[in-house]
Protein backbone atom coordinates (compact mmCIF):
# COMPACT_ATOMS: atom_id res chain seq x y z
CA UNK A 1 64.40 57.14 161.31
CA UNK A 2 61.48 59.56 161.24
CA UNK A 3 61.83 63.02 162.76
CA UNK A 4 58.77 65.10 163.59
CA UNK A 5 59.21 68.83 164.12
CA UNK A 6 57.96 69.38 167.59
CA UNK A 7 60.59 70.77 169.98
CA UNK A 8 61.84 69.28 173.36
CA UNK A 9 64.63 66.76 172.75
CA UNK A 10 63.15 63.26 172.97
CA UNK A 11 64.09 59.87 171.51
CA UNK A 12 61.43 57.13 171.14
CA UNK A 13 62.97 53.69 170.63
CA UNK A 14 60.14 52.02 168.71
CA UNK A 15 56.96 52.53 166.74
CA UNK A 16 54.41 52.95 169.54
CA UNK A 17 50.59 53.20 169.33
CA UNK A 18 49.45 56.40 167.65
CA UNK A 19 47.72 57.62 170.81
CA UNK A 20 51.06 57.86 172.63
CA UNK A 21 52.82 59.65 169.80
CA UNK A 22 49.85 62.00 169.50
CA UNK A 23 50.15 62.86 173.21
CA UNK A 24 53.74 63.95 172.60
CA UNK A 25 52.91 65.95 169.47
CA UNK A 26 49.91 67.74 170.95
CA UNK A 27 51.88 68.80 174.01
CA UNK A 28 53.89 71.26 171.91
CA UNK A 29 57.46 72.30 172.52
CA UNK A 30 58.78 68.81 171.86
CA UNK A 31 61.13 67.57 169.13
CA UNK A 32 60.61 63.84 168.78
CA UNK A 33 63.03 61.52 167.04
CA UNK A 34 61.63 58.01 166.65
CA UNK A 35 62.98 54.64 165.55
CA UNK A 36 59.99 54.03 163.28
CA UNK A 37 59.88 50.24 163.23
CA UNK A 38 58.14 47.38 165.02
CA UNK A 39 61.54 45.74 165.41
CA UNK A 40 63.98 46.71 168.19
CA UNK A 41 66.28 49.63 167.54
CA UNK A 42 69.82 48.42 166.72
CA UNK A 43 72.31 49.21 169.44
CA UNK A 44 74.27 51.67 167.29
CA UNK A 45 71.07 53.53 166.37
CA UNK A 46 70.02 53.67 170.03
CA UNK A 47 73.36 55.15 171.07
CA UNK A 48 73.21 57.69 168.25
CA UNK A 49 69.55 58.51 168.77
CA UNK A 50 69.78 59.20 172.49
CA UNK A 51 72.79 61.51 172.15
CA UNK A 52 72.02 64.99 173.41
CA UNK A 53 68.40 64.18 174.26
CA UNK A 54 66.64 65.28 177.44
CA UNK A 55 64.04 62.53 177.32
CA UNK A 56 63.98 58.83 176.38
CA UNK A 57 60.86 56.73 175.85
CA UNK A 58 61.85 53.07 175.72
CA UNK A 59 60.43 49.53 175.86
CA UNK A 60 61.26 46.59 178.13
CA UNK A 61 63.34 45.04 175.34
CA UNK A 62 65.69 48.04 175.28
CA UNK A 63 68.72 47.61 177.55
CA UNK A 64 69.32 51.02 179.09
CA UNK A 65 72.73 50.67 180.71
CA UNK A 66 75.77 52.83 181.47
CA UNK A 67 76.79 52.86 177.81
CA UNK A 68 73.43 54.32 176.76
CA UNK A 69 73.46 56.85 179.59
CA UNK A 70 76.99 57.93 178.67
CA UNK A 71 75.94 58.30 175.04
CA UNK A 72 72.98 60.44 176.06
CA UNK A 73 75.13 62.82 178.03
CA UNK A 74 74.41 64.95 181.08
CA UNK A 75 71.33 66.51 179.49
CA UNK A 76 69.20 63.37 179.90
CA UNK A 77 66.62 64.17 182.56
CA UNK A 78 63.86 61.58 182.12
CA UNK A 79 63.50 57.94 181.06
CA UNK A 80 59.96 56.70 180.50
CA UNK A 81 59.52 52.98 179.92
CA UNK A 82 56.37 51.62 178.33
CA UNK A 83 56.27 48.69 180.73
CA UNK A 84 55.48 47.76 184.30
CA UNK A 85 58.81 45.96 184.62
CA UNK A 86 62.07 47.86 184.91
CA UNK A 87 64.77 45.18 185.10
CA UNK A 88 66.06 46.43 181.71
CA UNK A 89 67.07 49.73 183.31
CA UNK A 90 70.39 50.24 185.13
CA UNK A 91 68.65 51.84 188.10
CA UNK A 92 71.78 52.32 190.20
CA UNK A 93 73.47 54.25 187.39
CA UNK A 94 70.27 56.17 186.62
CA UNK A 95 69.82 57.20 190.26
CA UNK A 96 73.46 58.31 190.47
CA UNK A 97 72.84 60.72 187.60
CA UNK A 98 69.62 62.12 189.06
CA UNK A 99 67.51 60.91 186.14
CA UNK A 100 63.79 60.46 186.82
CA UNK A 101 62.03 57.28 185.68
CA UNK A 102 58.42 56.78 184.65
CA UNK A 103 56.74 53.40 184.11
CA UNK A 104 53.26 52.00 183.41
CA UNK A 105 51.91 49.91 186.31
CA UNK A 106 48.21 49.19 186.93
CA UNK A 107 47.08 49.81 183.33
CA UNK A 108 48.13 46.33 182.18
CA UNK A 109 46.96 44.44 185.28
CA UNK A 110 43.63 43.24 183.88
CA UNK A 111 44.98 42.27 180.47
CA UNK A 112 47.88 40.31 181.96
CA UNK A 113 45.60 38.58 184.47
CA UNK A 114 43.21 37.58 181.67
CA UNK A 115 46.10 36.17 179.67
CA UNK A 116 47.38 34.29 182.73
CA UNK A 117 44.01 32.59 183.17
CA UNK A 118 43.75 31.87 179.44
CA UNK A 119 47.21 30.32 179.44
CA UNK A 120 46.42 28.27 182.54
CA UNK A 121 43.24 26.89 180.94
CA UNK A 122 44.94 26.26 177.59
CA UNK A 123 47.71 24.36 179.35
CA UNK A 124 45.75 22.32 181.87
CA UNK A 125 43.04 21.36 179.34
CA UNK A 126 45.58 20.72 176.57
CA UNK A 127 43.95 23.09 174.08
CA UNK A 128 46.89 23.65 171.67
CA UNK A 129 47.50 19.89 171.57
CA UNK A 130 43.82 19.23 170.92
CA UNK A 131 43.64 21.77 168.09
CA UNK A 132 46.64 20.09 166.48
CA UNK A 133 44.97 16.66 166.73
CA UNK A 134 41.92 18.02 164.87
CA UNK A 135 44.15 19.41 162.11
CA UNK A 136 46.39 16.35 161.66
CA UNK A 137 43.67 13.68 161.70
CA UNK A 138 44.30 12.45 165.23
CA UNK A 139 40.62 12.93 166.08
CA UNK A 140 39.11 9.57 165.11
CA UNK A 141 36.32 8.93 167.60
CA UNK A 142 35.29 9.75 171.16
CA UNK A 143 37.65 8.07 173.63
CA UNK A 144 37.13 8.09 177.41
CA UNK A 145 40.67 9.13 178.37
CA UNK A 146 41.88 10.89 175.21
CA UNK A 147 43.04 14.51 175.66
CA UNK A 148 42.13 14.49 179.35
CA UNK A 149 43.61 17.28 181.43
CA UNK A 150 43.13 18.86 184.84
CA UNK A 151 40.25 21.02 186.13
CA UNK A 152 40.24 23.96 188.52
CA UNK A 153 37.20 22.92 190.52
CA UNK A 154 38.10 21.91 194.09
CA UNK A 155 41.79 22.59 193.42
CA UNK A 156 44.54 24.39 195.34
CA UNK A 157 46.05 27.34 193.48
CA UNK A 158 49.39 28.77 194.55
CA UNK A 159 50.35 32.30 193.51
CA UNK A 160 53.99 33.34 193.67
CA UNK A 161 53.79 37.11 194.08
CA UNK A 162 50.44 38.46 195.30
CA UNK A 163 50.89 41.91 193.78
CA UNK A 164 48.42 43.68 191.52
CA UNK A 165 48.51 41.02 188.81
CA UNK A 166 48.55 38.12 191.29
CA UNK A 167 45.44 39.51 192.98
CA UNK A 168 43.70 39.99 189.64
CA UNK A 169 44.49 36.39 188.69
CA UNK A 170 43.08 35.08 191.98
CA UNK A 171 39.97 37.23 191.54
CA UNK A 172 39.34 35.66 188.12
CA UNK A 173 40.08 32.09 189.22
CA UNK A 174 37.89 32.14 192.33
CA UNK A 175 34.59 31.62 190.43
CA UNK A 176 35.99 28.41 188.91
CA UNK A 177 35.47 26.73 192.28
CA UNK A 178 39.03 26.83 193.57
CA UNK A 179 39.06 25.23 197.01
CA UNK A 180 42.02 27.16 198.43
CA UNK A 181 44.54 29.84 197.52
CA UNK A 182 48.10 29.85 198.80
CA UNK A 183 50.59 32.63 198.17
CA UNK A 184 54.28 33.21 198.71
CA UNK A 185 56.37 36.33 198.53
CA UNK A 186 58.68 38.60 200.47
CA UNK A 187 56.11 39.25 203.21
CA UNK A 188 52.48 38.41 204.12
CA UNK A 189 49.67 40.68 202.91
CA UNK A 190 46.77 39.78 205.22
CA UNK A 191 44.43 42.61 204.19
CA UNK A 192 44.80 41.84 200.49
CA UNK A 193 44.75 38.06 200.99
CA UNK A 194 41.48 38.24 202.97
CA UNK A 195 39.50 38.73 199.74
CA UNK A 196 40.52 35.22 198.62
CA UNK A 197 41.02 33.67 202.07
CA UNK A 198 44.55 33.09 200.79
CA UNK A 199 47.17 31.67 203.14
CA UNK A 200 50.73 32.99 203.20
CA UNK A 201 53.17 30.06 203.08
CA UNK A 202 56.88 29.44 202.45
CA UNK A 203 57.69 28.84 198.80
CA UNK A 204 58.52 25.20 199.56
CA UNK A 205 55.01 24.57 200.86
CA UNK A 206 53.51 26.45 197.91
CA UNK A 207 55.30 24.05 195.58
CA UNK A 208 54.33 20.94 197.57
CA UNK A 209 50.61 21.63 198.05
CA UNK A 210 49.46 23.49 194.93
CA UNK A 211 47.68 21.84 192.00
CA UNK A 212 48.30 24.95 189.91
CA UNK A 213 51.10 27.47 190.40
CA UNK A 214 50.92 30.91 188.79
CA UNK A 215 54.06 33.05 188.92
CA UNK A 216 53.36 36.80 188.87
CA UNK A 217 56.23 38.16 190.98
CA UNK A 218 58.68 40.88 189.97
CA UNK A 219 62.16 39.92 188.82
CA UNK A 220 64.61 40.82 191.58
CA UNK A 221 67.95 39.36 192.70
CA UNK A 222 65.92 37.31 195.21
CA UNK A 223 63.49 35.89 192.65
CA UNK A 224 65.94 35.24 189.82
CA UNK A 225 65.99 31.49 189.15
CA UNK A 226 63.76 30.83 192.16
CA UNK A 227 61.74 28.24 190.21
CA UNK A 228 64.51 25.69 189.92
CA UNK A 229 65.16 21.95 190.30
CA UNK A 230 64.37 21.94 194.00
CA UNK A 231 61.13 23.83 193.39
CA UNK A 232 59.94 21.53 190.59
CA UNK A 233 60.94 18.39 192.53
CA UNK A 234 58.62 19.48 195.34
CA UNK A 235 55.63 19.96 193.04
CA UNK A 236 52.94 17.32 192.58
CA UNK A 237 53.29 15.07 189.54
CA UNK A 238 49.87 16.20 188.29
CA UNK A 239 50.49 19.91 188.90
CA UNK A 240 50.58 22.67 186.29
CA UNK A 241 53.09 25.54 186.30
CA UNK A 242 52.33 28.96 184.74
CA UNK A 243 54.71 31.92 184.41
CA UNK A 244 53.59 35.34 183.18
CA UNK A 245 56.12 37.40 185.16
CA UNK A 246 59.68 37.37 183.77
CA UNK A 247 61.55 34.54 182.10
CA UNK A 248 64.57 34.76 184.39
CA UNK A 249 62.46 33.78 187.41
CA UNK A 250 62.58 30.23 185.99
CA UNK A 251 65.57 27.97 185.44
CA UNK A 252 64.44 26.70 182.03
CA UNK A 253 66.78 23.70 181.96
CA UNK A 254 65.34 22.52 185.28
CA UNK A 255 61.81 23.12 183.96
CA UNK A 256 62.56 21.09 180.84
CA UNK A 257 63.86 18.17 182.91
CA UNK A 258 60.83 18.33 185.21
CA UNK A 259 58.47 18.14 182.21
CA UNK A 260 60.39 15.37 180.43
CA UNK A 261 60.78 13.27 183.58
CA UNK A 262 57.15 13.61 184.64
CA UNK A 263 57.92 15.55 187.82
CA UNK A 264 55.13 17.95 186.83
CA UNK A 265 52.28 17.55 184.36
CA UNK A 266 52.55 20.66 182.22
CA UNK A 267 53.78 24.24 181.96
CA UNK A 268 52.59 27.42 180.28
CA UNK A 269 54.95 30.34 179.69
CA UNK A 270 54.29 33.82 178.36
CA UNK A 271 57.86 34.87 179.18
CA UNK A 272 61.16 33.16 178.46
CA UNK A 273 64.92 33.66 178.49
CA UNK A 274 65.88 34.83 175.96
CA UNK A 275 63.04 36.51 174.12
CA UNK A 276 62.29 35.49 171.48
CA UNK A 277 63.04 31.87 172.36
CA UNK A 278 65.10 30.16 169.62
CA UNK A 279 62.91 27.89 167.51
CA UNK A 280 65.17 24.92 168.27
CA UNK A 281 64.90 25.37 172.05
CA UNK A 282 64.17 22.02 173.79
CA UNK A 283 61.05 23.38 175.54
CA UNK A 284 59.40 23.93 172.15
CA UNK A 285 59.66 20.21 171.39
CA UNK A 286 57.35 19.29 174.29
CA UNK A 287 53.62 18.78 173.92
CA UNK A 288 53.08 19.53 177.60
CA UNK A 289 54.66 22.99 177.39
CA UNK A 290 52.64 25.89 175.97
CA UNK A 291 54.74 28.94 175.10
CA UNK A 292 53.38 32.35 174.06
CA UNK A 293 55.40 35.32 172.72
CA UNK A 294 55.07 37.66 175.74
CA UNK A 295 51.57 38.91 174.94
CA UNK A 296 50.33 39.49 178.50
CA UNK A 297 49.34 43.11 177.90
CA UNK A 298 48.46 42.68 174.22
CA UNK A 299 45.01 44.17 173.93
CA UNK A 300 44.47 47.26 171.78
CA UNK A 301 43.04 49.21 174.71
CA UNK A 302 45.86 48.32 177.09
CA UNK A 303 48.69 49.07 174.67
CA UNK A 304 47.11 52.43 173.76
CA UNK A 305 46.74 53.31 177.43
CA UNK A 306 50.34 52.26 178.14
CA UNK A 307 51.67 54.45 175.34
CA UNK A 308 49.74 57.51 176.52
CA UNK A 309 50.86 57.00 180.13
CA UNK A 310 54.48 56.60 179.00
CA UNK A 311 54.20 59.81 176.97
CA UNK A 312 52.60 61.73 179.85
CA UNK A 313 55.26 60.48 182.27
CA UNK A 314 57.93 61.73 179.89
CA UNK A 315 56.32 65.13 179.39
CA UNK A 316 55.71 65.67 183.10
CA UNK A 317 59.31 64.77 183.89
CA UNK A 318 60.67 67.15 181.26
CA UNK A 319 58.56 69.98 182.71
CA UNK A 320 59.68 69.19 186.26
CA UNK A 321 56.15 68.23 187.25
CA UNK A 322 54.88 65.16 189.16
CA UNK A 323 54.60 62.13 186.87
CA UNK A 324 51.36 60.14 186.68
CA UNK A 325 53.44 57.03 187.48
CA UNK A 326 56.98 57.63 188.68
CA UNK A 327 59.35 54.92 189.86
CA UNK A 328 60.86 56.33 193.04
CA UNK A 329 64.56 55.50 193.17
């Protein structure tokens, strides 16, 4: 643990970018206790660290549940998460206690959309597999059908969740010559969809007609496990599935079976359940499944901006002021 002598009672659950920590220190009147490691804070240290604090700055990998809130005590006024997602927070319990919550939407939209497109291209054009062939001597000569994949030109792209990130993905894919965009979600968004001439369809039709499916929806009780056996069975055999939202949106056993049995061509995942994925997980044995370690927002600029926003949310909440980005409960 590293304790800096500032003054308001705050616990930071991880080593965050210096810009965020600097925002806390320069604010004055703030005592910051930090778990100074790149690795997650052990549960016992989290419970001890949050005790008696008025503010908590956490990450999406920190489970903030009733036990943590009880350990913090009645003085906890603000939780600021350095993430756009908030499924790691026990919101019902937090709301009951009148605790305000800050989060970091918008600032990671572009970075996550870029990563989504990169993962889609890497998966559909078999880039990791091709790199491996170069390294292991599999590249012998030019062959007409060797390492062939699927192109975006004249394709149908389905987006599950046309929120900020979904829109940013569509915006980046449009210049590739996509013929048509479909989208599914809780309700149609005609004004937003007009930019891409995207059609709102039921999720079953999205699965049946799309050549590429990109999942960018939030994790909710309605979306948990929504990409399951029935979903994959409806997809085209030459279709490619990409998930950069949350791992729990996908039933990974059903995805594995779909890939092994040739129900779909390939999948690319930046999120899994659990995280990290065990190295002996069956999905990691497949050449047609590209898995990244949840790096959607991993650019230096984005992570710095996220840390500063998380710090400013925390400070504003402690002062009783409007937060730059508050999650309204």
